[in-house]
């Protein structure tokens, strides 16, 4: 079984801008730059033949390159407890359209139904380990004017998430990058 997801990698300059936000929440486990990306679709654990079908279907996607920027801080919660802090996307129409194409390709490959979570375009800054809502709200208030530089999304990538042998988290391996068309 291999664990896959599709996402848009970020330029190093944008990752540095995001790193500048990673302070002020003592209970956060901040994402390292190599783990910063915009997830288009979590695909999940697949048998190798199905993973090959996903790869094949993703190769058929045709979509124009587009510009985007990151802004607005938000968080996800489970059971009323904040668990991830993130930065949203400014002008997300193209991201949503590309995500729909990726989702359709994944389904066509036989890799499952629609993702069980509603798609919220974002880049995760960190995992929250016991942060209170007040701490999260303070962080959001402090950083609510953040707006990254604009950058071009000229490709998306299929990644494999691999557990480290020492049990210390996961790392991401690029399976294939899919160029977006320049118009």
C-alpha atoms as a PDB file:
ATOM      1  CA  UNK A   1       0.000   0.000   0.000  1.00  0.00           C
ATOM      2  CA  UNK A   2       1.164   3.503  -0.744  1.00  0.00           C
ATOM      3  CA  UNK A   3      -0.292   6.714   0.694  1.00  0.00           C
ATOM      4  CA  UNK A   4      -0.787   9.445  -1.917  1.00  0.00           C
ATOM      5  CA  UNK A   5      -1.904  13.036  -2.241  1.00  0.00           C
ATOM      6  CA  UNK A   6      -1.843  15.667  -4.980  1.00  0.00           C
ATOM      7  CA  UNK A   7      -0.730  19.211  -4.282  1.00  0.00           C
ATOM      8  CA  UNK A   8       0.847  22.410  -5.508  1.00  0.00           C
ATOM      9  CA  UNK A   9       4.385  23.008  -4.305  1.00  0.00           C
ATOM     10  CA  UNK A  10       5.231  26.548  -3.204  1.00  0.00           C
ATOM     11  CA  UNK A  11       8.194  28.670  -4.274  1.00  0.00           C
ATOM     12  CA  UNK A  12      10.938  29.015  -1.652  1.00  0.00           C
ATOM     13  CA  UNK A  13      10.208  32.744  -1.323  1.00  0.00           C
ATOM     14  CA  UNK A  14       6.615  31.974  -0.316  1.00  0.00           C
ATOM     15  CA  UNK A  15       7.745  29.286   2.131  1.00  0.00           C
ATOM     16  CA  UNK A  16      10.020  31.870   3.784  1.00  0.00           C
ATOM     17  CA  UNK A  17       7.109  34.268   4.093  1.00  0.00           C
ATOM     18  CA  UNK A  18       5.056  31.517   5.733  1.00  0.00           C
ATOM     19  CA  UNK A  19       7.916  30.671   8.102  1.00  0.00           C
ATOM     20  CA  UNK A  20       7.826  34.272   9.318  1.00  0.00           C
ATOM     21  CA  UNK A  21       4.373  33.498  10.753  1.00  0.00           C
ATOM     22  CA  UNK A  22       5.536  30.453  12.693  1.00  0.00           C
ATOM     23  CA  UNK A  23       5.826  31.967  16.142  1.00  0.00           C
ATOM     24  CA  UNK A  24       3.518  32.975  18.944  1.00  0.00           C
ATOM     25  CA  UNK A  25       1.809  29.616  19.490  1.00  0.00           C
ATOM     26  CA  UNK A  26       3.997  27.686  21.929  1.00  0.00           C
ATOM     27  CA  UNK A  27       1.993  24.481  21.528  1.00  0.00           C
ATOM     28  CA  UNK A  28       2.328  24.399  17.718  1.00  0.00           C
ATOM     29  CA  UNK A  29       4.352  21.829  15.866  1.00  0.00           C
ATOM     30  CA  UNK A  30       5.326  23.989  12.881  1.00  0.00           C
ATOM     31  CA  UNK A  31       5.573  22.561   9.360  1.00  0.00           C
ATOM     32  CA  UNK A  32       9.044  22.528   7.861  1.00  0.00           C
ATOM     33  CA  UNK A  33       9.444  24.189   4.438  1.00  0.00           C
ATOM     34  CA  UNK A  34       9.743  20.838   2.648  1.00  0.00           C
ATOM     35  CA  UNK A  35       6.254  19.938   3.918  1.00  0.00           C
ATOM     36  CA  UNK A  36       4.598  23.210   2.867  1.00  0.00           C
ATOM     37  CA  UNK A  37       2.229  22.746  -0.056  1.00  0.00           C
ATOM     38  CA  UNK A  38      -1.352  23.367  -1.072  1.00  0.00           C
ATOM     39  CA  UNK A  39      -3.149  20.010  -1.018  1.00  0.00           C
ATOM     40  CA  UNK A  40      -5.518  19.513  -3.941  1.00  0.00           C
ATOM     41  CA  UNK A  41      -6.660  16.020  -3.002  1.00  0.00           C
ATOM     42  CA  UNK A  42      -5.772  13.553  -0.275  1.00  0.00           C
ATOM     43  CA  UNK A  43      -5.998  10.241  -2.111  1.00  0.00           C
ATOM     44  CA  UNK A  44      -5.164   7.816   0.683  1.00  0.00           C
ATOM     45  CA  UNK A  45      -3.705   4.327   0.908  1.00  0.00           C
ATOM     46  CA  UNK A  46      -3.811   2.452  -2.389  1.00  0.00           C
ATOM     47  CA  UNK A  47      -2.638  -0.834  -3.811  1.00  0.00           C
ATOM     48  CA  UNK A  48       0.083  -0.323  -6.447  1.00  0.00           C
ATOM     49  CA  UNK A  49      -2.129  -1.128  -9.491  1.00  0.00           C
ATOM     50  CA  UNK A  50      -4.697   1.490  -8.417  1.00  0.00           C
ATOM     51  CA  UNK A  51      -1.908   4.009  -7.720  1.00  0.00           C
ATOM     52  CA  UNK A  52      -0.655   3.433 -11.280  1.00  0.00           C
ATOM     53  CA  UNK A  53      -4.167   4.168 -12.595  1.00  0.00           C
ATOM     54  CA  UNK A  54      -4.261   7.408 -10.588  1.00  0.00           C
ATOM     55  CA  UNK A  55      -0.919   8.418 -12.072  1.00  0.00           C
ATOM     56  CA  UNK A  56      -2.182   7.642 -15.574  1.00  0.00           C
ATOM     57  CA  UNK A  57      -5.399   9.656 -15.092  1.00  0.00           C
ATOM     58  CA  UNK A  58      -3.564  12.657 -13.628  1.00  0.00           C
ATOM     59  CA  UNK A  59      -1.389  12.771 -16.758  1.00  0.00           C
ATOM     60  CA  UNK A  60      -4.514  13.520 -18.812  1.00  0.00           C
ATOM     61  CA  UNK A  61      -5.335  16.719 -16.928  1.00  0.00           C
ATOM     62  CA  UNK A  62      -5.038  19.872 -19.007  1.00  0.00           C
ATOM     63  CA  UNK A  63      -5.310  23.139 -17.142  1.00  0.00           C
ATOM     64  CA  UNK A  64      -3.800  26.597 -17.605  1.00  0.00           C
ATOM     65  CA  UNK A  65      -1.118  27.891 -15.259  1.00  0.00           C
ATOM     66  CA  UNK A  66      -2.470  30.588 -12.939  1.00  0.00           C
ATOM     67  CA  UNK A  67      -1.401  33.131 -10.349  1.00  0.00           C
ATOM     68  CA  UNK A  68      -2.353  33.056  -6.712  1.00  0.00           C
ATOM     69  CA  UNK A  69      -1.353  34.409  -3.347  1.00  0.00           C
ATOM     70  CA  UNK A  70      -1.905  33.354   0.233  1.00  0.00           C
ATOM     71  CA  UNK A  71      -3.840  35.338   2.808  1.00  0.00           C
ATOM     72  CA  UNK A  72      -6.054  34.999   5.867  1.00  0.00           C
ATOM     73  CA  UNK A  73      -5.285  32.755   8.797  1.00  0.00           C
ATOM     74  CA  UNK A  74      -7.673  30.035   9.871  1.00  0.00           C
ATOM     75  CA  UNK A  75      -7.804  26.802  11.791  1.00  0.00           C
ATOM     76  CA  UNK A  76      -9.453  23.392  11.777  1.00  0.00           C
ATOM     77  CA  UNK A  77     -10.863  21.801  14.885  1.00  0.00           C
ATOM     78  CA  UNK A  78     -11.964  18.370  16.047  1.00  0.00           C
ATOM     79  CA  UNK A  79     -14.548  18.103  18.768  1.00  0.00           C
ATOM     80  CA  UNK A  80     -14.318  21.840  19.430  1.00  0.00           C
ATOM     81  CA  UNK A  81     -10.541  21.708  19.941  1.00  0.00           C
ATOM     82  CA  UNK A  82      -8.236  23.527  17.450  1.00  0.00           C
ATOM     83  CA  UNK A  83      -5.852  21.061  15.791  1.00  0.00           C
ATOM     84  CA  UNK A  84      -4.282  22.768  12.724  1.00  0.00           C
ATOM     85  CA  UNK A  85      -3.503  26.399  11.871  1.00  0.00           C
ATOM     86  CA  UNK A  86      -3.382  27.404   8.211  1.00  0.00           C
ATOM     87  CA  UNK A  87      -3.166  30.202   5.635  1.00  0.00           C
ATOM     88  CA  UNK A  88      -5.902  30.501   3.010  1.00  0.00           C
ATOM     89  CA  UNK A  89      -5.823  31.327  -0.672  1.00  0.00           C
ATOM     90  CA  UNK A  90      -6.661  34.669  -2.248  1.00  0.00           C
ATOM     91  CA  UNK A  91      -8.842  34.372  -5.373  1.00  0.00           C
ATOM     92  CA  UNK A  92      -9.322  30.607  -5.206  1.00  0.00           C
ATOM     93  CA  UNK A  93     -11.458  30.021  -8.340  1.00  0.00           C
ATOM     94  CA  UNK A  94      -8.623  28.457 -10.394  1.00  0.00           C
ATOM     95  CA  UNK A  95      -7.484  26.339  -7.434  1.00  0.00           C
ATOM     96  CA  UNK A  96     -11.021  24.983  -6.991  1.00  0.00           C
ATOM     97  CA  UNK A  97     -11.334  24.222 -10.713  1.00  0.00           C
ATOM     98  CA  UNK A  98      -7.997  22.372 -10.762  1.00  0.00           C
ATOM     99  CA  UNK A  99      -8.971  20.502  -7.592  1.00  0.00           C
ATOM    100  CA  UNK A 100     -12.212  19.353  -9.264  1.00  0.00           C
ATOM    101  CA  UNK A 101     -10.224  17.971 -12.210  1.00  0.00           C
ATOM    102  CA  UNK A 102      -7.842  16.136  -9.874  1.00  0.00           C
ATOM    103  CA  UNK A 103     -10.778  14.770  -7.866  1.00  0.00           C
ATOM    104  CA  UNK A 104     -12.469  13.542 -11.050  1.00  0.00           C
ATOM    105  CA  UNK A 105      -9.254  11.833 -12.227  1.00  0.00           C
ATOM    106  CA  UNK A 106      -8.843  10.093  -8.867  1.00  0.00           C
ATOM    107  CA  UNK A 107     -12.419   8.786  -8.995  1.00  0.00           C
ATOM    108  CA  UNK A 108     -12.032   7.672 -12.630  1.00  0.00           C
ATOM    109  CA  UNK A 109      -8.931   5.693 -11.607  1.00  0.00           C
ATOM    110  CA  UNK A 110     -11.047   3.790  -9.089  1.00  0.00           C
ATOM    111  CA  UNK A 111      -9.332   5.289  -6.057  1.00  0.00           C
ATOM    112  CA  UNK A 112     -12.424   5.993  -4.033  1.00  0.00           C
ATOM    113  CA  UNK A 113     -15.264   8.396  -3.664  1.00  0.00           C
ATOM    114  CA  UNK A 114     -15.124  12.109  -3.036  1.00  0.00           C
ATOM    115  CA  UNK A 115     -12.904  13.253  -0.200  1.00  0.00           C
ATOM    116  CA  UNK A 116     -14.952  13.109   3.015  1.00  0.00           C
ATOM    117  CA  UNK A 117     -13.955  16.674   3.906  1.00  0.00           C
ATOM    118  CA  UNK A 118     -15.186  19.749   2.069  1.00  0.00           C
ATOM    119  CA  UNK A 119     -12.293  21.220   0.082  1.00  0.00           C
ATOM    120  CA  UNK A 120     -10.840  24.265   1.821  1.00  0.00           C
ATOM    121  CA  UNK A 121      -7.854  25.594  -0.162  1.00  0.00           C
ATOM    122  CA  UNK A 122      -5.089  26.237   2.355  1.00  0.00           C
ATOM    123  CA  UNK A 123      -1.458  25.713   3.327  1.00  0.00           C
ATOM    124  CA  UNK A 124      -0.966  24.184   6.765  1.00  0.00           C
ATOM    125  CA  UNK A 125       1.382  26.167   9.021  1.00  0.00           C
ATOM    126  CA  UNK A 126       1.363  23.741  11.917  1.00  0.00           C
ATOM    127  CA  UNK A 127      -0.327  21.175  14.075  1.00  0.00           C
ATOM    128  CA  UNK A 128      -1.728  22.455  17.353  1.00  0.00           C
ATOM    129  CA  UNK A 129      -0.923  20.375  20.408  1.00  0.00           C
ATOM    130  CA  UNK A 130      -3.271  21.615  23.098  1.00  0.00           C
ATOM    131  CA  UNK A 131      -3.657  25.254  22.035  1.00  0.00           C
ATOM    132  CA  UNK A 132      -6.670  26.987  23.521  1.00  0.00           C
ATOM    133  CA  UNK A 133      -9.149  28.838  21.331  1.00  0.00           C
ATOM    134  CA  UNK A 134      -8.033  32.084  22.957  1.00  0.00           C
ATOM    135  CA  UNK A 135      -4.415  31.421  21.927  1.00  0.00           C
ATOM    136  CA  UNK A 136      -5.508  30.582  18.388  1.00  0.00           C
ATOM    137  CA  UNK A 137      -7.713  33.682  18.152  1.00  0.00           C
ATOM    138  CA  UNK A 138      -4.821  35.830  19.416  1.00  0.00           C
ATOM    139  CA  UNK A 139      -2.524  34.312  16.776  1.00  0.00           C
ATOM    140  CA  UNK A 140      -5.103  34.997  14.049  1.00  0.00           C
ATOM    141  CA  UNK A 141      -5.628  38.565  15.245  1.00  0.00           C
ATOM    142  CA  UNK A 142      -1.879  39.212  15.330  1.00  0.00           C
ATOM    143  CA  UNK A 143      -1.378  37.839  11.800  1.00  0.00           C
ATOM    144  CA  UNK A 144      -4.656  38.691  10.080  1.00  0.00           C
ATOM    145  CA  UNK A 145      -3.057  41.204   7.697  1.00  0.00           C
ATOM    146  CA  UNK A 146      -0.687  38.610   6.216  1.00  0.00           C
ATOM    147  CA  UNK A 147      -0.724  38.507   2.433  1.00  0.00           C
ATOM    148  CA  UNK A 148       1.986  36.692   0.488  1.00  0.00           C
ATOM    149  CA  UNK A 149       3.517  37.774  -2.757  1.00  0.00           C
ATOM    150  CA  UNK A 150       1.713  36.556  -5.862  1.00  0.00           C
ATOM    151  CA  UNK A 151       3.237  33.504  -7.501  1.00  0.00           C
ATOM    152  CA  UNK A 152       2.543  31.311 -10.504  1.00  0.00           C
ATOM    153  CA  UNK A 153       1.182  27.808 -10.102  1.00  0.00           C
ATOM    154  CA  UNK A 154       2.748  26.209 -13.172  1.00  0.00           C
ATOM    155  CA  UNK A 155       2.388  22.577 -12.077  1.00  0.00           C
ATOM    156  CA  UNK A 156       0.923  20.209  -9.530  1.00  0.00           C
ATOM    157  CA  UNK A 157       2.521  17.105  -8.082  1.00  0.00           C
ATOM    158  CA  UNK A 158       1.577  13.616  -6.970  1.00  0.00           C
ATOM    159  CA  UNK A 159       3.286  12.872  -3.651  1.00  0.00           C
ATOM    160  CA  UNK A 160       3.755   9.775  -1.557  1.00  0.00           C
ATOM    161  CA  UNK A 161       3.633  10.198   2.210  1.00  0.00           C
ATOM    162  CA  UNK A 162       6.121   7.827   3.830  1.00  0.00           C
ATOM    163  CA  UNK A 163       6.447   7.104   7.544  1.00  0.00           C
ATOM    164  CA  UNK A 164       9.993   7.469   8.838  1.00  0.00           C
ATOM    165  CA  UNK A 165      11.526   4.227  10.081  1.00  0.00           C
ATOM    166  CA  UNK A 166      12.458   5.833  13.412  1.00  0.00           C
ATOM    167  CA  UNK A 167       8.789   6.677  14.017  1.00  0.00           C
ATOM    168  CA  UNK A 168       9.435  10.440  13.904  1.00  0.00           C
ATOM    169  CA  UNK A 169       6.778  11.591  11.504  1.00  0.00           C
ATOM    170  CA  UNK A 170       6.524  11.375   7.736  1.00  0.00           C
ATOM    171  CA  UNK A 171       8.299  12.736   4.726  1.00  0.00           C
ATOM    172  CA  UNK A 172       6.967  13.397   1.251  1.00  0.00           C
ATOM    173  CA  UNK A 173       8.401  11.853  -1.896  1.00  0.00           C
ATOM    174  CA  UNK A 174       7.549  13.371  -5.268  1.00  0.00           C
ATOM    175  CA  UNK A 175       6.134  10.720  -7.599  1.00  0.00           C
ATOM    176  CA  UNK A 176       5.532  12.933 -10.636  1.00  0.00           C
ATOM    177  CA  UNK A 177       5.086  16.616 -11.442  1.00  0.00           C
ATOM    178  CA  UNK A 178       2.383  17.575 -13.940  1.00  0.00           C
ATOM    179  CA  UNK A 179       2.949  20.842 -15.819  1.00  0.00           C
ATOM    180  CA  UNK A 180       0.099  23.270 -16.306  1.00  0.00           C
ATOM    181  CA  UNK A 181      -0.217  24.874 -19.709  1.00  0.00           C
ATOM    182  CA  UNK A 182       1.177  28.335 -20.252  1.00  0.00           C
ATOM    183  CA  UNK A 183      -1.283  30.597 -22.029  1.00  0.00           C
END
